[in-house]
Protein backbone atom coordinates (compact mmCIF):
# COMPACT_ATOMS: atom_id res chain seq x y z
CA MET A 1 14.27 35.45 126.21
CA LYS A 2 10.35 36.55 127.39
CA ILE A 3 11.64 40.00 128.30
CA MET A 4 13.83 40.45 125.23
CA LYS A 5 10.76 40.14 123.46
CA THR A 6 8.76 41.79 125.22
CA ILE A 7 10.77 44.77 124.66
CA ILE A 8 11.49 44.49 120.95
CA TYR A 9 7.45 44.74 120.93
CA ILE A 10 7.31 47.98 122.75
CA ILE A 11 10.50 49.31 120.54
CA LEU A 12 8.94 48.47 117.14
CA SER A 13 5.10 49.67 118.11
CA ALA A 14 4.89 52.79 115.98
CA VAL A 15 1.77 53.80 118.05
CA ILE A 16 3.34 54.57 121.06
CA CYS A 17 5.04 58.33 121.69
CA LEU A 18 4.49 59.86 124.80
CA SER A 19 6.86 62.44 124.38
CA GLY A 20 5.19 64.89 122.11
CA TYR A 21 3.50 68.46 123.37
CA ALA A 22 0.50 70.00 121.45
CA GLN A 23 2.67 73.02 120.58
CA PRO A 24 5.93 72.91 118.17
CA ILE A 25 9.02 73.80 120.18
CA PRO A 26 9.73 77.73 118.39
CA THR A 27 12.30 77.16 115.92
CA ASP A 28 15.01 79.80 118.33
CA SER A 29 14.52 77.64 121.42
CA LEU A 30 15.05 74.36 119.86
CA TYR A 31 18.52 72.78 121.27
CA LEU A 32 18.57 75.10 124.31
CA GLY A 33 18.12 77.76 122.66
CA GLN A 34 21.76 78.04 121.43
CA VAL A 35 23.30 78.90 118.03
CA PRO A 36 23.01 76.30 115.60
CA PRO A 37 26.85 75.84 114.44
CA GLY A 38 27.70 75.70 110.62
CA TYR A 39 30.19 73.42 108.84
CA MET A 40 32.88 73.94 111.97
CA PRO A 41 31.88 72.31 115.33
CA LYS A 42 31.59 74.46 118.39
CA ILE A 43 30.65 73.61 121.95
CA PHE A 44 27.07 72.47 122.96
CA VAL A 45 26.72 74.03 126.49
CA LEU A 46 25.73 71.84 128.75
CA PRO A 47 26.31 72.04 132.68
CA VAL A 48 29.63 70.85 134.18
CA ASN A 49 29.51 69.76 137.99
CA GLY A 50 32.47 69.68 139.38
CA SER A 51 34.52 67.13 138.04
CA LEU A 52 31.76 65.46 135.98
CA ARG A 53 32.05 66.29 132.12
CA PRO A 54 29.00 66.58 130.04
CA ILE A 55 30.00 63.66 127.51
CA GLU A 56 29.63 60.64 125.93
CA ARG A 57 26.20 60.19 123.92
CA ILE A 58 23.41 62.66 123.84
CA THR A 59 20.33 61.37 122.37
CA ILE A 60 17.16 64.15 121.23
CA SER A 61 13.30 63.71 121.16
CA ASN A 62 11.61 63.53 117.80
CA ASP A 63 10.14 66.70 118.80
CA GLY A 64 12.96 68.31 120.23
CA LYS A 65 11.62 68.90 123.29
CA GLU A 66 13.64 66.46 125.55
CA ILE A 67 17.57 66.56 125.69
CA PHE A 68 19.20 63.47 127.64
CA TYR A 69 22.91 63.86 127.96
CA GLY A 70 25.55 61.46 130.10
CA GLN A 71 28.01 62.68 132.67
CA LEU A 72 30.84 60.90 134.06
CA ASN A 73 34.20 62.25 136.49
CA THR A 74 36.87 60.18 134.69
CA TYR A 75 37.88 57.20 132.35
CA PRO A 76 36.35 54.53 133.42
CA PRO A 77 33.83 56.28 135.49
CA SER A 78 33.48 56.15 139.21
CA VAL A 79 30.43 58.74 139.25
CA SER A 80 27.78 58.17 135.59
CA LYS A 81 24.57 59.80 135.39
CA VAL A 82 21.75 60.56 133.02
CA LEU A 83 20.15 64.39 132.94
CA TYR A 84 17.66 65.64 130.85
CA TYR A 85 16.23 68.64 129.70
CA ARG A 86 12.48 69.20 128.97
CA TYR A 87 10.83 71.94 127.17
CA ASN A 88 6.87 73.20 129.36
CA GLU A 89 5.58 75.91 129.44
CA ASN A 90 7.86 77.78 126.63
CA ARG A 91 10.96 77.28 128.25
CA TRP A 92 13.38 74.96 128.94
CA GLN A 93 13.47 73.53 132.48
CA VAL A 94 16.39 73.42 134.26
CA SER A 95 18.69 70.40 133.60
CA GLU A 96 17.65 66.96 135.99
CA GLU A 97 19.28 63.74 137.35
CA LEU A 98 17.51 61.10 135.17
CA PHE A 99 19.09 57.99 136.48
CA SER A 100 22.44 57.96 138.33
CA GLY A 101 25.03 54.81 137.44
CA TYR A 102 24.11 54.95 133.52
CA VAL A 103 25.41 56.48 130.92
CA ALA A 104 25.07 56.92 126.96
CA PRO A 105 21.33 57.37 126.67
CA ALA A 106 19.55 56.61 123.24
CA LEU A 107 15.99 56.77 122.61
CA SER A 108 13.81 54.47 120.61
CA PRO A 109 12.43 55.54 116.99
CA ASN A 110 9.33 56.49 118.64
CA ASP A 111 10.82 58.29 122.20
CA SER A 112 9.19 54.92 123.90
CA ILE A 113 12.02 53.69 125.45
CA ILE A 114 15.69 55.11 126.17
CA PHE A 115 18.79 52.54 126.02
CA LEU A 116 21.11 53.11 128.99
CA LEU A 117 24.82 51.55 129.19
CA LYS A 118 25.72 50.60 132.77
CA SER A 119 29.43 50.34 132.15
CA ILE A 120 31.72 51.85 129.38
CA THR A 121 34.85 49.38 130.56
CA TYR A 122 36.58 47.36 128.22
CA ASP A 123 35.72 43.51 130.19
CA ARG A 124 31.86 44.94 130.88
CA ALA A 125 29.27 46.94 129.19
CA GLU A 126 25.80 46.32 129.51
CA THR A 127 22.78 47.29 128.56
CA TYR A 128 19.51 48.78 130.45
CA PHE A 129 15.99 50.20 129.19
CA SER A 130 13.38 52.11 130.91
CA ARG A 131 10.04 52.54 129.46
CA ARG A 132 8.15 56.00 129.01
CA THR A 133 5.38 55.96 131.38
CA VAL A 134 2.48 58.93 131.91
CA SER A 135 4.23 59.99 135.09
CA GLY A 136 7.88 59.70 133.83
CA TRP A 137 10.38 56.57 132.92
CA SER A 138 10.40 53.34 134.46
CA THR A 139 13.39 51.46 136.67
CA PRO A 140 15.80 50.54 134.20
CA GLU A 141 16.17 46.69 133.66
CA LYS A 142 18.59 44.61 131.84
CA MET A 143 18.16 44.29 128.69
CA PHE A 144 20.39 41.03 127.28
CA TYR A 145 21.25 38.28 129.44
CA PHE A 146 24.16 36.69 126.49
CA SER A 147 27.59 36.45 127.85
CA GLN A 148 28.67 38.81 125.34
CA GLN A 149 28.80 43.04 125.79
CA SER A 150 26.53 45.06 124.50
CA HIS A 151 27.48 48.95 124.05
CA TYR A 152 25.51 51.79 122.54
CA THR A 153 22.65 49.82 121.51
CA GLN A 154 19.88 51.19 119.60
CA SER A 155 16.89 50.23 117.62
CA THR A 156 15.93 51.42 114.00
CA SER A 157 12.78 52.02 112.08
CA MET A 158 13.83 49.06 110.50
CA ASN A 159 12.56 47.17 113.24
CA ASN A 160 16.23 46.08 114.27
CA ILE A 161 18.10 46.74 116.89
CA TYR A 162 22.18 47.27 116.62
CA ILE A 163 24.93 46.74 119.69
CA SER A 164 28.64 47.23 119.50
CA THR A 165 30.35 43.92 121.27
CA ASN A 166 33.43 41.77 121.93
CA PHE A 167 33.00 39.30 118.95
CA PRO A 168 34.75 35.75 119.48
CA GLY A 169 38.64 36.21 119.22
CA SER A 170 38.39 39.85 119.79
CA ALA A 171 38.76 41.89 122.80
CA LEU A 172 38.30 44.83 121.15
CA ARG A 173 34.52 45.42 120.20
CA ASP A 174 32.53 45.60 116.78
CA VAL A 175 29.30 46.65 115.54
CA GLY A 176 26.71 43.63 115.24
CA LYS A 177 23.29 43.56 114.49
CA VAL A 178 20.90 41.75 117.35
CA ILE A 179 19.33 38.41 115.66
CA ILE A 180 16.21 36.61 117.29
CA SER A 181 15.46 33.20 116.72
CA GLY A 182 12.64 31.56 119.17
CA ALA A 183 14.15 31.48 122.85
CA ASP A 184 17.94 32.76 121.43
CA THR A 185 19.45 35.85 121.09
CA SER A 186 22.73 36.26 119.06
CA VAL A 187 24.54 39.35 117.40
CA MET A 188 25.76 39.18 114.18
CA SER A 189 28.23 40.97 113.07
CA ILE A 190 27.84 43.94 110.04
CA GLY A 191 31.18 42.60 108.74
CA MET A 192 33.99 44.14 107.01
CA PRO A 193 35.10 47.09 105.93
CA VAL A 194 33.05 49.09 108.77
CA ASN A 195 34.56 46.25 111.23
CA THR A 196 38.09 45.72 111.37
CA THR A 197 40.99 44.93 112.96
CA LEU A 198 40.83 48.54 115.71
CA ASP A 199 37.98 49.07 117.90
CA GLU A 200 34.44 50.20 116.19
CA SER A 201 32.82 50.19 119.58
CA ASP A 202 30.87 54.15 119.79
CA PHE A 203 28.00 54.28 117.02
CA PHE A 204 25.23 56.02 115.82
CA ILE A 205 23.17 53.90 112.83
CA ALA A 206 20.37 55.94 110.63
CA ARG A 207 17.03 55.40 111.91
CA ASP A 208 16.24 54.48 108.02
CA GLU A 209 20.04 52.79 108.10
CA SER A 210 21.21 54.33 105.39
CA TYR A 211 24.13 55.29 106.89
CA ILE A 212 26.35 54.31 110.28
CA ILE A 213 28.97 57.10 112.05
CA HIS A 214 31.09 55.63 113.85
CA ALA A 215 34.09 56.12 115.74
CA ARG A 216 37.26 53.87 114.92
CA HIS A 217 40.32 53.87 117.33
CA SER A 218 42.95 51.07 118.97
CA PRO A 219 42.86 51.39 122.87
CA GLY A 220 44.67 54.42 124.05
CA VAL A 221 45.23 55.89 120.44
CA ALA A 222 43.24 58.15 119.38
CA GLY A 223 40.23 57.95 117.38
CA ASP A 224 38.36 59.67 114.57
CA LEU A 225 34.50 59.56 113.28
CA LEU A 226 33.59 57.62 109.85
CA ILE A 227 30.95 57.40 108.03
CA SER A 228 29.85 54.02 105.97
CA TYR A 229 26.73 53.74 103.66
CA LYS A 230 24.38 50.80 103.23
CA LYS A 231 24.12 49.00 99.67
CA VAL A 232 21.74 47.77 97.81
CA ASN A 233 22.59 44.22 99.01
CA GLY A 234 22.83 44.95 102.67
CA SER A 235 26.42 45.31 103.44
CA TRP A 236 28.42 48.26 104.08
CA THR A 237 30.47 50.44 102.47
CA ASN A 238 33.94 51.22 103.25
CA SER A 239 34.30 54.10 105.65
CA LYS A 240 35.38 57.64 104.87
CA SER A 241 36.61 59.72 107.29
CA LEU A 242 34.14 62.77 107.94
CA GLY A 243 37.46 65.01 107.69
CA SER A 244 39.52 67.53 109.74
CA HIS A 245 37.32 69.80 110.76
CA ILE A 246 35.90 67.27 113.03
CA ASN A 247 38.68 64.65 113.24
CA TYR A 248 41.72 66.48 115.34
CA PRO A 249 44.81 65.00 115.02
CA ASN A 250 46.58 62.61 118.12
CA PRO A 251 45.78 62.77 120.66
CA THR A 252 42.47 63.92 119.82
CA TRP A 253 39.42 61.63 120.56
CA GLU A 254 36.06 61.92 118.75
CA TYR A 255 33.24 59.38 119.50
CA GLY A 256 29.82 59.23 121.06
CA PRO A 257 28.13 60.09 117.81
CA PHE A 258 24.35 61.26 117.78
CA VAL A 259 22.57 62.96 114.64
CA THR A 260 19.38 64.91 114.83
CA GLN A 261 15.92 63.03 113.28
CA ASP A 262 16.22 65.23 110.17
CA ASN A 263 19.97 64.37 109.78
CA LYS A 264 20.85 68.03 110.11
CA TYR A 265 23.07 67.72 113.14
CA LEU A 266 25.71 65.91 114.56
CA PHE A 267 26.45 65.88 118.25
CA PHE A 268 29.74 64.06 119.43
CA THR A 269 32.48 63.78 122.49
CA ARG A 270 36.04 65.39 121.38
CA GLY A 271 39.04 65.22 123.94
CA ASP A 272 42.56 64.96 124.63
CA ASN A 273 45.02 63.76 126.91
CA ALA A 274 43.66 66.39 129.95
CA TRP A 275 40.48 65.55 131.32
CA ASN A 276 38.98 69.38 131.58
CA SER A 277 39.32 69.24 127.76
CA TYR A 278 36.14 66.68 126.95
CA PHE A 279 32.77 68.75 125.58
CA THR A 280 29.78 67.81 124.14
CA TYR A 281 30.24 69.29 120.27
CA TRP A 282 27.88 69.55 117.84
CA CYS A 283 28.03 70.92 113.47
CA ARG A 284 26.37 70.87 110.80
CA ILE A 285 26.25 67.25 109.59
CA ASP A 286 23.47 66.79 106.27
CA ASN A 287 25.79 68.61 103.50
CA ILE A 288 28.31 65.97 105.07
CA ILE A 289 26.38 62.89 104.82
CA ASP A 290 25.25 63.68 101.25
CA SER A 291 28.96 64.56 99.54
CA LEU A 292 30.53 62.04 101.25
CA LYS A 293 28.39 59.30 99.43
CA TYR A 294 29.55 60.19 95.93
CA THR A 295 33.33 61.07 96.63
CA ASN A 296 35.95 58.25 95.97
CA PHE A 297 35.94 55.25 97.93
CA VAL A 298 39.03 53.91 98.52
CA PRO A 299 39.13 49.65 97.80
CA TYR A 300 39.54 47.15 100.34
CA LEU A 301 41.16 43.78 101.09
CA LYS A 302 38.31 41.92 101.58
CA ASN A 303 40.06 38.19 101.62
CA GLN A 304 44.02 37.70 102.31
CA ILE A 305 45.65 35.70 99.26
CA PRO A 306 46.55 32.34 100.93
CA ASN A 307 50.47 31.16 100.69
CA GLN A 308 51.51 29.16 97.71
CA THR A 309 53.41 26.00 97.55
CA ASP A 310 54.91 24.45 94.39
CA THR A 311 57.47 21.97 93.41
CA VAL A 312 60.80 23.45 91.23
CA GLY A 313 60.13 22.12 87.64
CA LYS A 314 56.42 22.17 87.62
CA LEU A 315 53.94 24.70 85.77
CA PHE A 316 52.94 27.27 88.43
CA ASN A 317 49.35 28.64 87.80
CA TYR A 318 47.27 30.57 90.60
CA THR A 319 44.20 32.84 89.27
CA PHE A 320 43.25 35.12 92.73
CA PRO A 321 39.55 35.70 93.00
CA ASP A 322 37.88 38.69 91.86
CA SER A 323 36.34 39.30 95.56
CA THR A 324 39.62 39.28 96.82
CA PHE A 325 39.72 43.32 96.55
CA ILE A 326 36.31 45.28 96.72
CA ASP A 327 35.65 48.71 95.13
CA ASP A 328 32.49 50.20 96.74
CA ASP A 329 32.27 52.24 93.00
CA GLY A 330 32.34 49.22 91.56
CA ASN A 331 34.93 45.89 91.10
CA ASN A 332 35.09 47.16 87.23
CA THR A 333 37.11 50.39 88.38
CA LEU A 334 40.22 48.43 89.39
CA THR A 335 43.31 47.34 88.14
CA TYR A 336 45.72 44.85 89.39
CA SER A 337 49.58 44.78 89.61
CA ALA A 338 52.23 42.68 91.04
CA SER A 339 55.62 43.03 92.15
CA LEU A 340 57.92 41.51 94.66
CA SER A 341 57.10 42.91 98.39
CA ASN A 342 60.09 44.48 98.86
CA GLY A 343 59.01 46.85 95.33
CA THR A 344 61.66 44.94 92.59
CA PRO A 345 60.01 43.07 89.45
CA LEU A 346 58.73 39.47 90.11
CA PRO A 347 61.75 37.03 88.78
CA SER A 348 61.83 36.12 85.38
CA TRP A 349 60.30 32.98 85.16
CA LEU A 350 56.79 34.15 86.77
CA SER A 351 54.63 36.38 84.51
CA PHE A 352 51.44 38.12 85.91
CA ASP A 353 48.44 38.83 83.72
CA SER A 354 46.48 41.67 85.15
CA VAL A 355 43.38 41.40 83.41
CA SER A 356 42.69 37.75 84.33
CA ARG A 357 44.49 37.88 88.19
CA THR A 358 46.62 35.33 87.33
CA PHE A 359 50.27 34.11 87.98
CA SER A 360 51.91 31.47 85.79
CA GLY A 361 55.20 30.60 84.88
CA THR A 362 57.79 27.01 85.39
CA ILE A 363 58.82 27.61 88.65
CA SER A 364 63.05 28.14 88.91
CA PRO A 365 65.35 27.67 92.11
CA VAL A 366 64.29 26.80 95.63
CA GLN A 367 63.09 29.65 97.30
CA SER A 368 60.78 31.34 99.50
CA ILE A 369 59.49 34.53 97.33
CA SER A 370 57.18 37.15 98.98
CA ILE A 371 54.65 38.68 96.51
CA LYS A 372 52.76 42.06 96.53
CA VAL A 373 49.29 42.31 94.16
CA THR A 374 48.36 46.18 94.08
CA ALA A 375 44.59 47.36 93.24
CA THR A 376 44.00 50.39 91.87
CA ASP A 377 41.15 52.10 91.20
CA THR A 378 40.33 55.28 88.88
CA ALA A 379 41.18 57.62 91.36
CA GLY A 380 44.54 56.39 91.92
CA THR A 381 44.14 55.48 95.28
CA SER A 382 45.11 51.77 96.45
CA ALA A 383 44.56 48.60 98.51
CA TYR A 384 47.26 45.83 98.63
CA CYS A 385 47.83 42.48 100.04
CA SER A 386 50.89 40.36 100.05
CA PHE A 387 51.44 36.07 100.32
CA THR A 388 54.25 34.07 99.95
CA LEU A 389 55.01 31.69 97.09
CA ASN A 390 57.16 28.76 99.01
CA ILE A 391 59.34 26.66 96.24
CA ILE A 392 60.63 23.17 97.13
CA GLN A 393 62.20 20.52 95.93
CA HIS A 394 61.35 16.59 96.54
CA ILE A 395 62.46 13.70 95.11
CA GLY A 396 59.15 11.78 94.37
CA LEU A 397 56.85 10.00 96.23
CA GLU A 398 58.04 6.41 96.53
CA PRO A 399 55.81 3.42 97.74
CA ILE A 400 58.13 0.97 99.96
CA ASN A 401 55.71 -2.00 100.77
CA GLU A 402 52.28 -2.97 98.97
CA ALA A 403 51.37 -4.69 102.14
CA VAL A 404 48.57 -3.18 103.86
CA PRO A 405 49.69 -1.80 107.39
CA ASN A 406 47.52 -2.76 110.47
CA GLU A 407 48.18 1.14 111.93
CA TYR A 408 48.69 4.16 110.45
CA ARG A 409 52.17 5.54 111.62
CA LEU A 410 54.55 8.76 110.72
CA SER A 411 58.14 7.82 111.01
CA GLN A 412 60.68 10.20 112.50
CA ASN A 413 62.77 11.41 109.87
CA TYR A 414 66.19 9.95 108.42
CA PRO A 415 68.83 11.13 108.82
CA ASN A 416 67.94 13.56 111.68
CA PRO A 417 69.50 16.27 112.13
CA PHE A 418 69.86 16.26 108.62
CA ASN A 419 71.82 18.20 105.76
CA PRO A 420 71.07 18.74 102.49
CA GLY A 421 68.25 16.43 102.51
CA THR A 422 66.23 13.71 104.68
CA SER A 423 63.68 10.89 104.24
CA ILE A 424 60.50 10.82 105.82
CA THR A 425 58.22 6.98 105.83
CA PHE A 426 54.66 6.86 106.62
CA ASP A 427 52.19 4.22 106.84
CA ILE A 428 48.33 4.52 105.82
CA ILE A 429 45.64 1.60 105.99
CA LYS A 430 43.38 2.48 103.85
CA GLN A 431 42.82 4.39 100.67
CA THR A 432 42.61 8.12 101.57
CA HIS A 433 43.56 11.87 100.60
CA THR A 434 46.74 12.50 101.96
CA LEU A 435 48.83 15.25 103.39
CA LEU A 436 52.60 15.32 104.68
CA LYS A 437 53.21 18.95 105.06
CA VAL A 438 56.30 21.17 106.49
CA TYR A 439 56.44 23.71 108.98
CA ASP A 440 59.09 26.32 110.45
CA VAL A 441 59.01 27.00 114.21
CA THR A 442 56.98 29.95 113.98
CA GLY A 443 53.91 27.82 112.68
CA ARG A 444 54.69 28.90 108.65
CA LEU A 445 54.01 26.64 106.19
CA THR A 446 57.44 26.26 104.10
CA ALA A 447 56.17 22.92 102.37
CA VAL A 448 54.16 20.40 100.95
CA LEU A 449 55.21 17.12 99.77
CA VAL A 450 52.52 15.27 99.79
CA ASN A 451 48.92 16.10 98.35
CA GLU A 452 47.29 13.20 96.52
CA THR A 453 44.93 10.33 97.61
CA LEU A 454 47.09 7.51 98.13
CA ARG A 455 46.21 3.25 98.62
CA ALA A 456 47.23 1.78 101.89
CA GLY A 457 50.41 0.99 102.05
CA SER A 458 54.18 2.26 103.05
CA TYR A 459 55.61 5.00 101.22
CA LYS A 460 58.58 7.30 101.53
CA VAL A 461 58.76 10.88 100.38
CA GLU A 462 62.80 12.98 100.53
CA LEU A 463 62.92 16.79 101.45
CA LYS A 464 65.78 18.88 99.96
CA ALA A 465 66.56 21.60 102.02
CA GLY A 466 67.20 24.08 99.37
CA ASN A 467 67.17 27.26 100.94
CA LEU A 468 65.82 26.11 104.01
CA SER A 469 68.12 27.92 107.09
CA SER A 470 69.17 25.95 109.85
CA GLY A 471 66.90 25.51 112.81
CA ILE A 472 63.49 23.13 113.81
CA TYR A 473 61.03 22.13 111.83
CA PHE A 474 57.77 20.40 112.30
CA TYR A 475 56.43 17.58 109.53
CA LYS A 476 52.78 16.67 109.76
CA LEU A 477 51.12 13.51 108.19
CA GLU A 478 46.55 14.25 107.56
CA ALA A 479 45.65 11.09 106.37
CA GLY A 480 41.59 10.50 107.21
CA ASN A 481 40.97 11.33 110.59
CA PHE A 482 44.67 10.38 111.46
CA ILE A 483 47.08 13.17 112.08
CA GLN A 484 50.39 13.42 113.72
CA THR A 485 53.47 15.25 113.78
CA ARG A 486 56.94 15.36 114.36
CA LYS A 487 59.90 17.37 114.48
CA MET A 488 62.96 17.52 112.71
CA ILE A 489 66.07 19.60 113.17
CA LEU A 490 68.23 21.30 109.68
CA LEU A 491 71.98 22.06 110.66
CA LYS A 492 73.45 23.70 107.86
C-alpha cells in the first residue's frame, strides 16, 4: 500500500501548511462576513445554483481564509461538486468550482490535504484526496484499496485517520479507525456505544480526538446529531443529543457536522422531505461541548445476558457480570432490579440479589420464563435487557452399552412423533465433552439434555415435553469434532 504510506506521511507532517497568508483575516470578515449565530442555529448563506443544494460537509482552513463546501442535485446525486471561497486582497473572492464529481470535503489538520467523497450511496462510498500545491490542488487520487466503503474520511493531530464504513455483517455504516500494519490496511470499529444497530455514517472527530459528533439514523428515517467523549481508557462515552434546538423532530434530518478549529461553531446540514428545504446551518457549539460533558450519562447495555437452561429440582445460581451494563458516570452508581419481562414479580422460588447481581433458587416447574434486568443510575435513568430461563426435565443420562462403538452416531428419537416423552440414544467413540441440545423451529434453545464429559460408549437420555408446545424440534449432538442434528415432532 505504497500510496497509503505516502499520503499518511504528508497528512501527519506538521511542517507542511501552504494555506496561510501573512495578514490575519479581520474578525468582521470571518465566515464570509456573516454575523455569527448564538445558541440557535441559522442558515449559513451559500449560493444556490438551480436545483443544486449547498449541503453535506463544509470545511474551513485553520486561518479562516478558505471555505470549502459541496453541492448536490438530489440523493443519491447525479451531479456533485466541491466549491470554495478564498479570502485574498482584503476580500472574499467569488465562489469557484474546485472539483467535479466529489462532495463532503475535509481538510487535514495542517491544511495540506483535502479529503473528498466520490459517492455517498450505501452500496459504494470511496475516499479520494488532493494535495495542496503552490498553484492550487492536485488531481484527486483514490486513497483506499480495501473492499470496505470509506465515508467521511478525516485525520487528526493524534496521527490517526477515521472513516465510517460498513463493517462485516452490517449494511449500515459505523465509525472506525484506520489501522496500518506493514503492507496491510484495515479498519477497526470504535465499538459501542457510538456504533449501534443504527447508522452512524456522518461524523466529525475533534482534532485532538476528545469528542466525536455524529449523525445517527436508520435509512429512510430522520436523523439527529449526537456527541460522545473519549474516555481515559480510549473508549467512548454513551452519546448524547445536541439538543432540540439543533435536532428537529422527524422528518427533519441533521447530518454532515463540522466544527471550527477553535471549537466555537458547528456547521451541519438540515432538511426534511422537500429538497428545497436543505441548507447548511451553523450555531455556537463550545458551550454545548463543555456543558454536555458534565451532565448525566444514560447507562447502556454493553453485553447481552445469555439465555440460561437448567433442570427441575436443581439449585439454579447465576451471576451476570459487572460489565453487562456501563454507566459513564461510574458503574458504582448503578443499582439493579429484576422482574419478569411482563412487569410481574419473579416467581416465588427465584430470588435476585441486587448487590451481587445473582439469581438463585431451587428450580420449580418445567417452563420457560423471560426475565428483565434493569440497571438504574443515581439520576433515575435506566437501561435494561431480557433473557430467557428455560426449565426442562429429563430422567437423566443412562449408559446402555459399555462396548466402544466404531463411530459417532446420533439415533432418531423414539417414539417420534411423541407426547409427553421420548428417548434419544447416541454413541461416542472416545472420552470427550459432550453436548446434546434441543432447539425449536426458530433456532431458539429450549433444552440442554447433556453437558458433561463422557467416556466412550452408548447412552440414552429421556426428554419430557413439559410445557413445550406442539411443533417441530431439532436435537443436536456435539462430541469433539462430531456434530449431527436430527428432527423430531411433538404432538399434543
